[in-house]
Each structure stands twice: as structure tokens, then as C-alpha cells.
Amino acid sequence: MNRSMICVAAAAAYFASSFAGQLLFAQGSPNDTFRDAVSLVNQHGHVIVLSGAEGGASIAVWPAMQGRVLTSSATGPDGRGFGWVNRDLIESGKVQEHINAVGGEDRLWLGPEGGQFSVFFAHGQPFDLAHWYTPAPIDTEPFDVVRQEKSSITLRKTFHLSNYSGTNFDVEINREVRLLTTPEVWKDLGIEAADNVKVVGFESNNKLTNMAATGWSKTTGVLSLWVLGQFQSTPDSTIILPIRSGPTAELGIPVTTDYFGPVPADRISVRSDSVFFKADSNYRAKLGLSPRRSKGLMGSYDATNHVLTIVQFTQPPNVTEYVNSAWKIQQDPYSGDVANCYNDGIPAPGKPQLGKFFEMESSSPAAALAPHASVEHTQRTIHLVGDSTTLDHIAQATLGVRLAEVVAFHP
């Protein structure tokens, strides 16, 4: 394990021991329906439900929590909610000091998280969780609703940030969340519709604008858009990462596996064109894909409930500089990942885990924006519920894998 990974692992253990009694993270119910989640939040705030004209597809957007998509359903209000929801934290009504992890399957952060250009650490502070703070504009502050329609909502936020090196940023974020129609879902997947499959699809388009009169420089730090999704896990959940085949000398390692130490061999399978990763919330681990290996999509399969999830994201061709979020002063601050996935678990013996969830996330490139210039990043999430045979055809056509192989890897 390299020094940055040791730092992260030690910080995680410190975090769990220091904040376990403060409702910072909680288990959440694996059986929450869409209606349960909406009802819970509406007792303490207000979510906006966007519903389609057919099939029961619905998403719940929470403007007061940065316009995140808290959860979604393919089968109406009483259907399974796909997003992980931190019920205990929401019910407590408390505001936490370091992060307010209420959950959600599409939430917006800004990178980098660590390093000399971090926006999570103040200048001169050590890179540990005692000094790590999620910036309020992407943690506790609301986004303003600019426009709301039946199937979309547009939000805006203007704010100031400073990074670890003392560089100041005046930024504006414009975020549009849109529920996809069923025909759009199948078009985005590039396959013919399957009538016996229930679907819900949505996307967030996020635009970051430099509002200052001066441009950003990579020598003093830039920002990136970072979209993260937390999903309810089951004992039979598996993350699927398609990867570009090719030699390490040309494309780099197939996948980064040592964020929190080595991943046990029975929890990961690295193939020539894909990676399987157990997402059962029983072992804490994280993976990363470099822009040279990523294909601009990833997915998961829940064999218990026959749910295939596909996440697509924008990835500009021939762009290789992404912010590096390692918690240390970095030699190469633009060697970061374009996509990551995470499986939760116990951080240390006797310590509580964050929750029964896994994550899939993606980032925009590092952009040295001129005054009033912008960078955009879109992440699209599609859930498909159906019989295993039909879902297998979809998985082969989109992710390039057979579900029988996924199930065999994760019996």
C-alpha cells in the first residue's frame, strides 16, 4: 500500500471511531420503497417528484440538498427505491460538522478532494479526517430552483471557494435533472425496447462556470465536476466496469485497486475487457478507472431483485488530465480517475460501517477555465427490472458481459 492509501485507510478508521455516535452515517433500510423515502424527507423538508407518463418511472429531487436525486422507482410509489437513503440522519434533523451524508443516487460534488489544490482542506492543515470538511455549498446549502416542469427541474447556485493553496474561486453551478422517457432510455442504450422490462432513467447535466475576472491556472489549481451515486446493495449485487483492452505500457494498469489496501481475490475479477467487483456492503473497498481505460459507462447487477443498472457519463476523447484527490501533497495533481466505484463495509474491527450501499461515480476533466468560461458533465442512470434472460441480452449489448458470468463470480 502506498503512502497516500495508508493515509486514507488511517483516516477512515479515525473517522469511524470519532464520529460513530453522531449519526453521521447510518444503515438505512434495504427495503425502503420510493414512497417511504419521499414521505420521510417531506416530514423534514421537501422533495420534488418527477414522474413519467407511462410505466411508473419516478425520481425524487431534493433542492435543499443541492438538487440531488435522492431515489428512483421503475414501478411507481410502492416500487423499490434504488437510491440509498440515510434514514437515521434525516430523521435526526441534525447538521453534521464534516459531511451530511443523507444519501442519493445522483449528487454533485467538486474536486479535488485532497492534495495541494483540495477544496476540502484549509491551507496548512494535515490531510486527516479531523481537518476534512465538505464545502457547505455542496453539503448543506440549498440550490435555487430556476425552472420546474413535469419531467425536469433546473437549479442554480453561485458561491465562493478557496483551495488548500489559497487560490480563490467564484463559481456558478447550473444543474438540470431530467427524467427520461421510456423511448429515450432504449435509444440511449442503443438497443431495441424490451416490453417485459420495467425501466426508469434520468440524467443530471451539470455546468460549472468561472465567474471571476481572471482565469484558472493548473499551476495554482482548478476544479472539476464530480457526480456520485449511492445505491442500495443486496448480498447478490455486483459492480461491472467495462475497460479498454490493451497493454499496460500503453494504457496503464487496468484498474486502481489499492485505495484502502489490497482487495481480496474473491471480491474482484479483472478480465481483459471488464472488471467484476462485489457490491454486497460486506467489505470496504474502492476502485478507479483512468481515462485511458474507461469506456464512459459502468453498471451493476442485483441478482436478488433482477435489477440491471447502467451508468453512462460524458468523457471527452483524448483528454487525460483529471484532478487527483489523494490525501497528500502530490507530484502529479492531474493524474486522477474519471470513474470510481465503492463498496461499503466495516472500516476496522468493532467499528460501524457507513451503510448498506455501494457507489458509482464519475468526474469531468480538470479544466483551466478562462473568465466566464464553463465545463459541463452529464451522468445518466438507468435501472432495468425484468427476467434474467432479457436482462442478460441487455447486459451483453451494453456492458459487454453475460450475467451468467456475473452470477458465477458472485454466487
Protein backbone atom coordinates (compact mmCIF):
# COMPACT_ATOMS: atom_id res chain seq x y z
CA MET A 1 0.00 0.00 0.00
CA ASN A 2 1.49 3.39 -0.91
CA ARG A 3 1.67 6.35 1.48
CA SER A 4 -1.50 8.05 0.19
CA MET A 5 -3.54 4.88 0.59
CA ILE A 6 -2.19 4.36 4.12
CA CYS A 7 -3.25 7.92 4.91
CA VAL A 8 -6.76 7.31 3.62
CA ALA A 9 -7.12 4.00 5.47
CA ALA A 10 -5.92 5.50 8.73
CA ALA A 11 -8.22 8.47 8.29
CA ALA A 12 -11.17 6.19 7.67
CA ALA A 13 -10.54 4.31 10.91
CA TYR A 14 -10.22 7.61 12.79
CA PHE A 15 -13.44 8.86 11.23
CA ALA A 16 -15.41 5.78 12.24
CA SER A 17 -14.17 5.84 15.83
CA SER A 18 -14.52 9.59 16.32
CA PHE A 19 -17.94 10.16 14.82
CA ALA A 20 -19.78 6.85 15.26
CA GLY A 21 -22.08 8.25 17.93
CA GLN A 22 -23.12 11.35 16.00
CA LEU A 23 -25.46 9.81 13.42
CA LEU A 24 -23.03 10.84 10.71
CA PHE A 25 -23.76 7.64 8.83
CA ALA A 26 -26.44 5.01 9.32
CA GLN A 27 -27.58 1.75 7.87
CA GLY A 28 -30.82 2.75 6.16
CA SER A 29 -33.43 0.18 5.27
CA PRO A 30 -32.71 -2.19 2.37
CA ASN A 31 -36.46 -2.48 1.84
CA ASP A 32 -37.35 1.20 1.54
CA THR A 33 -39.88 1.90 -1.18
CA PHE A 34 -39.91 5.08 -3.20
CA ARG A 35 -42.92 6.26 -1.19
CA ASP A 36 -41.08 5.61 2.09
CA ALA A 37 -38.18 7.84 1.10
CA VAL A 38 -40.37 10.66 -0.18
CA SER A 39 -42.55 10.56 2.93
CA LEU A 40 -39.50 10.58 5.20
CA VAL A 41 -37.94 13.66 3.63
CA ASN A 42 -41.24 15.51 3.41
CA GLN A 43 -41.51 15.30 7.19
CA HIS A 44 -38.31 17.33 7.46
CA GLY A 45 -38.11 19.20 4.16
CA HIS A 46 -39.44 18.92 0.63
CA VAL A 47 -38.62 16.76 -2.35
CA ILE A 48 -39.97 17.24 -5.85
CA VAL A 49 -41.22 14.10 -7.58
CA LEU A 50 -40.83 13.90 -11.34
CA SER A 51 -42.97 11.17 -12.90
CA GLY A 52 -43.32 9.84 -16.42
CA ALA A 53 -46.48 9.38 -18.40
CA GLU A 54 -46.05 5.63 -18.57
CA GLY A 55 -44.79 2.68 -16.57
CA GLY A 56 -44.45 4.23 -13.12
CA ALA A 57 -40.98 5.71 -13.65
CA SER A 58 -40.35 8.34 -10.97
CA ILE A 59 -37.46 10.21 -9.35
CA ALA A 60 -37.31 12.32 -6.18
CA VAL A 61 -35.20 15.51 -6.37
CA TRP A 62 -34.23 17.37 -3.20
CA PRO A 63 -33.48 21.07 -3.93
CA ALA A 64 -32.43 21.85 -0.35
CA MET A 65 -29.70 19.22 -0.67
CA GLN A 66 -28.08 20.55 -3.85
CA GLY A 67 -30.79 19.19 -6.14
CA ARG A 68 -29.65 15.59 -5.66
CA VAL A 69 -31.73 12.71 -6.96
CA LEU A 70 -32.45 11.00 -3.67
CA THR A 71 -34.01 7.86 -5.12
CA SER A 72 -35.95 6.49 -8.08
CA SER A 73 -38.50 3.82 -8.92
CA ALA A 74 -39.35 1.89 -12.07
CA THR A 75 -42.73 0.71 -10.77
CA GLY A 76 -44.40 3.65 -9.09
CA PRO A 77 -44.61 4.87 -5.46
CA ASP A 78 -44.72 1.42 -3.91
CA GLY A 79 -41.85 0.10 -6.00
CA ARG A 80 -38.36 -0.50 -4.70
CA GLY A 81 -36.37 2.70 -4.22
CA PHE A 82 -32.97 2.28 -5.86
CA GLY A 83 -31.13 5.05 -4.01
CA TRP A 84 -29.58 4.53 -0.59
CA VAL A 85 -31.20 6.85 1.97
CA ASN A 86 -29.66 7.64 5.37
CA ARG A 87 -32.89 7.42 7.35
CA ASP A 88 -31.33 7.98 10.78
CA LEU A 89 -29.53 11.17 9.80
CA ILE A 90 -32.58 12.61 8.05
CA GLU A 91 -34.87 11.78 10.98
CA SER A 92 -32.43 13.34 13.45
CA GLY A 93 -32.72 16.75 11.77
CA LYS A 94 -29.13 17.41 12.84
CA VAL A 95 -26.46 19.15 10.81
CA GLN A 96 -23.12 17.39 11.00
CA GLU A 97 -19.79 19.17 11.08
CA HIS A 98 -17.80 17.33 8.41
CA ILE A 99 -20.36 15.91 5.99
CA ASN A 100 -24.11 15.38 5.83
CA ALA A 101 -24.39 12.05 4.05
CA VAL A 102 -28.14 11.84 3.57
CA GLY A 103 -27.68 9.54 0.56
CA GLY A 104 -28.90 9.86 -3.01
CA GLU A 105 -28.15 8.21 -6.33
CA ASP A 106 -27.01 11.38 -8.10
CA ARG A 107 -25.40 14.09 -6.00
CA LEU A 108 -22.92 16.77 -7.04
CA TRP A 109 -19.53 17.48 -5.52
CA LEU A 110 -16.49 19.39 -6.75
CA GLY A 111 -12.95 18.01 -6.91
CA PRO A 112 -10.21 17.69 -5.96
CA GLU A 113 -10.78 16.26 -2.50
CA GLY A 114 -7.13 16.05 -1.43
CA GLY A 115 -3.74 17.45 -2.36
CA GLN A 116 -2.36 20.94 -2.63
CA PHE A 117 -5.40 22.04 -4.67
CA SER A 118 -8.02 20.44 -2.41
CA VAL A 119 -11.24 22.30 -1.61
CA PHE A 120 -11.92 20.02 1.39
CA PHE A 121 -8.85 21.05 3.42
CA ALA A 122 -7.78 24.51 4.61
CA HIS A 123 -4.28 25.81 3.91
CA GLY A 124 -1.59 24.18 6.03
CA GLN A 125 -3.90 21.66 7.72
CA PRO A 126 -2.97 17.97 7.86
CA PHE A 127 -4.70 15.59 5.48
CA ASP A 128 -6.78 13.71 8.01
CA LEU A 129 -10.50 13.48 8.67
CA ALA A 130 -10.33 15.72 11.72
CA HIS A 131 -9.47 18.56 9.30
CA TRP A 132 -11.58 17.39 6.33
CA TYR A 133 -14.73 19.45 5.68
CA THR A 134 -17.15 19.12 2.80
CA PRO A 135 -17.70 22.66 1.48
CA ALA A 136 -21.12 23.89 2.60
CA PRO A 137 -22.37 24.76 -0.91
CA ILE A 138 -22.12 21.07 -1.87
CA ASP A 139 -23.15 19.68 1.51
CA THR A 140 -25.77 21.70 3.41
CA GLU A 141 -26.76 24.71 1.34
CA PRO A 142 -29.77 24.63 -0.99
CA PHE A 143 -29.71 25.19 -4.72
CA ASP A 144 -32.24 27.66 -6.11
CA VAL A 145 -34.95 26.26 -8.36
CA VAL A 146 -34.85 28.18 -11.63
CA ARG A 147 -37.43 26.20 -13.55
CA GLN A 148 -39.62 23.18 -12.88
CA GLU A 149 -41.56 21.12 -15.38
CA LYS A 150 -43.29 17.75 -15.18
CA SER A 151 -40.21 15.75 -16.07
CA SER A 152 -37.31 18.13 -15.36
CA ILE A 153 -36.02 20.66 -12.89
CA THR A 154 -33.25 23.26 -13.29
CA LEU A 155 -31.31 24.61 -10.32
CA ARG A 156 -28.57 27.18 -9.79
CA LYS A 157 -26.01 28.04 -7.12
CA THR A 158 -23.40 30.83 -7.02
CA PHE A 159 -20.71 30.70 -4.35
CA HIS A 160 -17.06 31.25 -3.37
CA LEU A 161 -14.42 28.62 -2.62
CA SER A 162 -10.74 28.62 -1.67
CA ASN A 163 -8.37 25.72 -2.12
CA TYR A 164 -5.55 24.43 0.06
CA SER A 165 -3.02 26.62 -1.78
CA GLY A 166 -5.07 29.76 -1.19
CA THR A 167 -6.46 30.09 -4.70
CA ASN A 168 -9.90 31.71 -4.73
CA PHE A 169 -12.78 30.63 -6.95
CA ASP A 170 -16.02 32.44 -7.69
CA VAL A 171 -18.25 29.93 -9.40
CA GLU A 172 -21.75 29.27 -10.60
CA ILE A 173 -23.29 25.84 -10.99
CA ASN A 174 -26.27 25.23 -13.23
CA ARG A 175 -27.77 21.79 -12.78
CA GLU A 176 -30.61 20.24 -14.75
CA VAL A 177 -32.11 16.94 -13.63
CA ARG A 178 -34.32 15.26 -16.18
CA LEU A 179 -36.44 12.12 -16.10
CA LEU A 180 -36.00 10.24 -19.37
CA THR A 181 -38.95 8.91 -21.29
CA THR A 182 -39.03 5.18 -21.91
CA PRO A 183 -38.18 5.58 -25.63
CA GLU A 184 -35.24 7.80 -24.66
CA VAL A 185 -33.94 5.12 -22.31
CA TRP A 186 -33.81 2.50 -25.05
CA LYS A 187 -32.31 5.00 -27.50
CA ASP A 188 -29.59 5.93 -25.02
CA LEU A 189 -28.83 2.25 -24.51
CA GLY A 190 -28.65 1.78 -28.26
CA ILE A 191 -30.90 -1.28 -28.29
CA GLU A 192 -34.47 -2.19 -29.12
CA ALA A 193 -37.08 -1.89 -26.39
CA ALA A 194 -37.96 -4.96 -24.34
CA ASP A 195 -41.65 -4.86 -23.47
CA ASN A 196 -41.28 -7.13 -20.45
CA VAL A 197 -38.75 -4.87 -18.70
CA LYS A 198 -39.66 -2.01 -16.35
CA VAL A 199 -37.33 0.97 -16.65
CA VAL A 200 -36.53 4.28 -15.03
CA GLY A 201 -33.83 6.54 -16.40
CA PHE A 202 -32.67 10.03 -15.52
CA GLU A 203 -29.71 12.29 -16.10
CA SER A 204 -28.11 15.29 -14.48
CA ASN A 205 -26.38 17.85 -16.64
CA ASN A 206 -24.02 19.94 -14.55
CA LYS A 207 -22.33 23.13 -15.71
CA LEU A 208 -19.55 24.84 -13.77
CA THR A 209 -18.70 28.44 -14.71
CA ASN A 210 -15.76 30.59 -13.65
CA MET A 211 -17.44 33.84 -12.61
CA ALA A 212 -14.21 35.69 -11.81
CA ALA A 213 -12.43 38.24 -13.98
CA THR A 214 -9.31 36.08 -14.02
CA GLY A 215 -8.75 32.63 -15.43
CA TRP A 216 -7.82 29.44 -13.63
CA SER A 217 -4.33 28.00 -13.88
CA LYS A 218 -3.27 24.41 -13.38
CA THR A 219 -0.24 25.69 -11.50
CA THR A 220 -2.48 27.12 -8.75
CA GLY A 221 -5.36 24.67 -9.01
CA VAL A 222 -8.57 24.09 -10.93
CA LEU A 223 -11.89 22.43 -10.13
CA SER A 224 -13.84 19.53 -11.58
CA LEU A 225 -17.46 18.40 -11.50
CA TRP A 226 -17.93 15.16 -9.57
CA VAL A 227 -21.20 13.20 -9.66
CA LEU A 228 -21.68 10.40 -7.14
CA GLY A 229 -24.48 7.86 -6.80
CA GLN A 230 -25.25 5.73 -3.74
CA PHE A 231 -27.36 2.63 -4.38
CA GLN A 232 -29.00 0.08 -2.11
CA SER A 233 -26.94 -3.08 -2.01
CA THR A 234 -28.01 -6.70 -1.61
CA PRO A 235 -25.99 -9.86 -0.91
CA ASP A 236 -26.05 -10.53 -4.66
CA SER A 237 -25.05 -7.09 -6.00
CA THR A 238 -22.07 -6.85 -8.36
CA ILE A 239 -20.49 -3.79 -9.99
CA ILE A 240 -19.44 -4.20 -13.63
CA LEU A 241 -16.71 -1.98 -15.08
CA PRO A 242 -16.11 -2.31 -18.83
CA ILE A 243 -12.49 -1.45 -19.63
CA ARG A 244 -10.46 -0.84 -22.74
CA SER A 245 -8.26 -3.80 -23.60
CA GLY A 246 -4.60 -3.17 -24.23
CA PRO A 247 -1.10 -3.39 -22.83
CA THR A 248 -0.20 -1.74 -19.55
CA ALA A 249 2.68 0.09 -21.21
CA GLU A 250 0.19 1.90 -23.44
CA LEU A 251 -2.94 2.25 -21.29
CA GLY A 252 -1.68 1.89 -17.73
CA ILE A 253 -2.97 -0.57 -15.17
CA PRO A 254 -6.45 -1.98 -15.90
CA VAL A 255 -7.94 -0.68 -12.64
CA THR A 256 -6.73 1.01 -9.45
CA THR A 257 -7.47 -1.33 -6.55
CA ASP A 258 -5.42 -0.12 -3.57
CA TYR A 259 -7.41 2.88 -2.33
CA PHE A 260 -7.98 1.15 1.02
CA GLY A 261 -5.44 -1.61 0.69
CA PRO A 262 -5.46 -4.74 -1.49
CA VAL A 263 -8.85 -6.13 -2.49
CA PRO A 264 -9.21 -9.85 -1.66
CA ALA A 265 -9.12 -12.05 -4.74
CA ASP A 266 -12.60 -13.44 -4.12
CA ARG A 267 -14.09 -9.95 -4.29
CA ILE A 268 -12.71 -8.82 -7.65
CA SER A 269 -12.22 -10.35 -11.07
CA VAL A 270 -10.09 -8.42 -13.58
CA ARG A 271 -10.68 -9.66 -17.12
CA SER A 272 -9.30 -8.40 -20.41
CA ASP A 273 -12.36 -6.25 -21.13
CA SER A 274 -14.14 -5.82 -17.81
CA VAL A 275 -13.88 -5.88 -14.03
CA PHE A 276 -16.35 -7.55 -11.65
CA PHE A 277 -16.47 -6.18 -8.11
CA LYS A 278 -18.66 -7.47 -5.27
CA ALA A 279 -21.04 -4.75 -4.05
CA ASP A 280 -22.65 -6.50 -1.09
CA SER A 281 -21.62 -3.95 1.58
CA ASN A 282 -19.61 -6.59 3.39
CA TYR A 283 -16.09 -5.32 2.65
CA ARG A 284 -14.90 -1.72 2.34
CA ALA A 285 -13.01 -1.15 -0.90
CA LYS A 286 -12.79 1.30 -3.79
CA LEU A 287 -11.74 1.04 -7.43
CA GLY A 288 -10.78 3.64 -10.01
CA LEU A 289 -10.63 3.82 -13.80
CA SER A 290 -8.20 6.06 -15.62
CA PRO A 291 -9.40 7.98 -18.70
CA ARG A 292 -7.30 5.64 -20.87
CA ARG A 293 -9.15 2.57 -19.56
CA SER A 294 -12.66 3.94 -19.07
CA LYS A 295 -15.33 3.44 -21.74
CA GLY A 296 -17.66 6.11 -20.37
CA LEU A 297 -20.03 3.69 -18.65
CA MET A 298 -20.32 1.23 -15.79
CA GLY A 299 -23.07 -0.85 -14.30
CA SER A 300 -24.29 -3.20 -11.61
CA TYR A 301 -26.47 -6.27 -11.34
CA ASP A 302 -28.65 -7.21 -8.37
CA ALA A 303 -29.40 -10.91 -8.87
CA THR A 304 -31.77 -10.93 -5.89
CA ASN A 305 -34.23 -8.44 -7.38
CA HIS A 306 -33.26 -8.84 -11.06
CA VAL A 307 -32.16 -5.22 -11.43
CA LEU A 308 -29.61 -4.20 -14.04
CA THR A 309 -28.27 -0.67 -13.58
CA ILE A 310 -26.28 1.18 -16.22
CA VAL A 311 -24.50 4.48 -15.58
CA GLN A 312 -23.30 6.48 -18.58
CA PHE A 313 -21.22 9.66 -18.38
CA THR A 314 -19.60 12.17 -20.68
CA GLN A 315 -15.91 11.58 -21.28
CA PRO A 316 -14.25 13.86 -23.85
CA PRO A 317 -12.00 11.92 -26.23
CA ASN A 318 -8.21 12.21 -25.90
CA VAL A 319 -8.44 14.08 -22.60
CA THR A 320 -6.29 12.52 -19.89
CA GLU A 321 -5.93 15.18 -17.16
CA TYR A 322 -8.30 14.64 -14.25
CA VAL A 323 -7.85 16.02 -10.73
CA ASN A 324 -6.05 13.75 -8.29
CA SER A 325 -7.84 13.53 -4.93
CA ALA A 326 -5.18 11.60 -2.98
CA TRP A 327 -4.79 12.96 0.55
CA LYS A 328 -1.20 14.22 0.32
CA ILE A 329 0.88 16.86 -1.45
CA GLN A 330 1.06 15.40 -4.94
CA GLN A 331 3.79 15.17 -7.54
CA ASP A 332 1.17 14.82 -10.30
CA PRO A 333 -2.07 16.57 -9.30
CA TYR A 334 -3.74 15.79 -12.65
CA SER A 335 -3.34 12.01 -12.78
CA GLY A 336 -6.75 11.24 -11.28
CA ASP A 337 -9.54 8.87 -12.27
CA VAL A 338 -12.51 9.62 -14.50
CA ALA A 339 -14.67 6.96 -12.80
CA ASN A 340 -14.76 5.25 -9.42
CA CYS A 341 -16.84 2.70 -7.58
CA TYR A 342 -17.04 1.91 -3.88
CA ASN A 343 -18.40 -0.90 -1.73
CA ASP A 344 -19.11 -0.08 1.88
CA GLY A 345 -18.12 -2.24 4.80
CA ILE A 346 -16.65 -2.15 8.29
CA PRO A 347 -13.64 0.21 8.29
CA ALA A 348 -11.98 -1.53 11.24
CA PRO A 349 -12.86 -4.34 13.67
CA GLY A 350 -15.63 -3.25 16.02
CA LYS A 351 -16.31 -0.03 14.11
CA PRO A 352 -19.64 0.70 12.38
CA GLN A 353 -19.83 0.93 8.62
CA LEU A 354 -21.31 3.85 6.75
CA GLY A 355 -24.34 1.95 5.40
CA LYS A 356 -25.66 -0.83 3.22
CA PHE A 357 -24.79 0.79 -0.08
CA PHE A 358 -22.36 0.89 -2.97
CA GLU A 359 -21.36 3.83 -5.15
CA MET A 360 -20.74 4.57 -8.82
CA GLU A 361 -19.32 7.99 -9.68
CA SER A 362 -17.70 9.99 -12.47
CA SER A 363 -15.87 13.29 -12.97
CA SER A 364 -15.28 15.96 -15.57
CA PRO A 365 -11.72 16.71 -16.74
CA ALA A 366 -9.56 19.26 -14.96
CA ALA A 367 -10.33 22.49 -16.81
CA ALA A 368 -8.28 25.70 -16.71
CA LEU A 369 -11.29 27.93 -17.33
CA ALA A 370 -10.96 31.43 -18.73
CA PRO A 371 -13.16 34.15 -17.20
CA HIS A 372 -16.84 33.24 -17.63
CA ALA A 373 -15.95 30.00 -19.41
CA SER A 374 -17.63 26.74 -18.40
CA VAL A 375 -17.15 23.00 -18.21
CA GLU A 376 -20.06 20.54 -18.32
CA HIS A 377 -20.50 16.98 -17.18
CA THR A 378 -23.51 14.69 -17.59
CA GLN A 379 -24.19 11.45 -15.78
CA ARG A 380 -27.11 9.23 -16.80
CA THR A 381 -28.52 6.46 -14.60
CA ILE A 382 -30.81 3.72 -15.94
CA HIS A 383 -32.41 0.93 -13.90
CA LEU A 384 -33.98 -2.05 -15.67
CA VAL A 385 -36.11 -4.64 -13.89
CA GLY A 386 -37.07 -7.88 -15.61
CA ASP A 387 -36.36 -11.56 -16.10
CA SER A 388 -32.74 -12.67 -16.12
CA THR A 389 -32.80 -13.84 -19.75
CA THR A 390 -33.89 -10.47 -21.09
CA LEU A 391 -31.55 -8.57 -18.79
CA ASP A 392 -28.72 -10.82 -19.98
CA HIS A 393 -29.30 -9.73 -23.58
CA ILE A 394 -29.24 -6.09 -22.45
CA ALA A 395 -26.05 -6.57 -20.42
CA GLN A 396 -24.28 -8.16 -23.39
CA ALA A 397 -25.36 -5.35 -25.72
CA THR A 398 -24.40 -2.52 -23.37
CA LEU A 399 -21.74 -3.66 -20.90
CA GLY A 400 -20.31 -6.48 -22.99
CA VAL A 401 -20.77 -9.14 -20.31
CA ARG A 402 -23.01 -12.14 -19.72
CA LEU A 403 -24.97 -12.12 -16.48
CA ALA A 404 -24.29 -15.82 -16.01
CA GLU A 405 -20.62 -14.90 -15.63
CA VAL A 406 -21.51 -12.17 -13.14
CA VAL A 407 -23.63 -14.57 -11.07
CA ALA A 408 -20.95 -17.26 -11.22
CA PHE A 409 -18.38 -14.78 -9.90
CA HIS A 410 -20.73 -13.77 -7.09
CA PRO A 411 -22.62 -16.95 -6.09
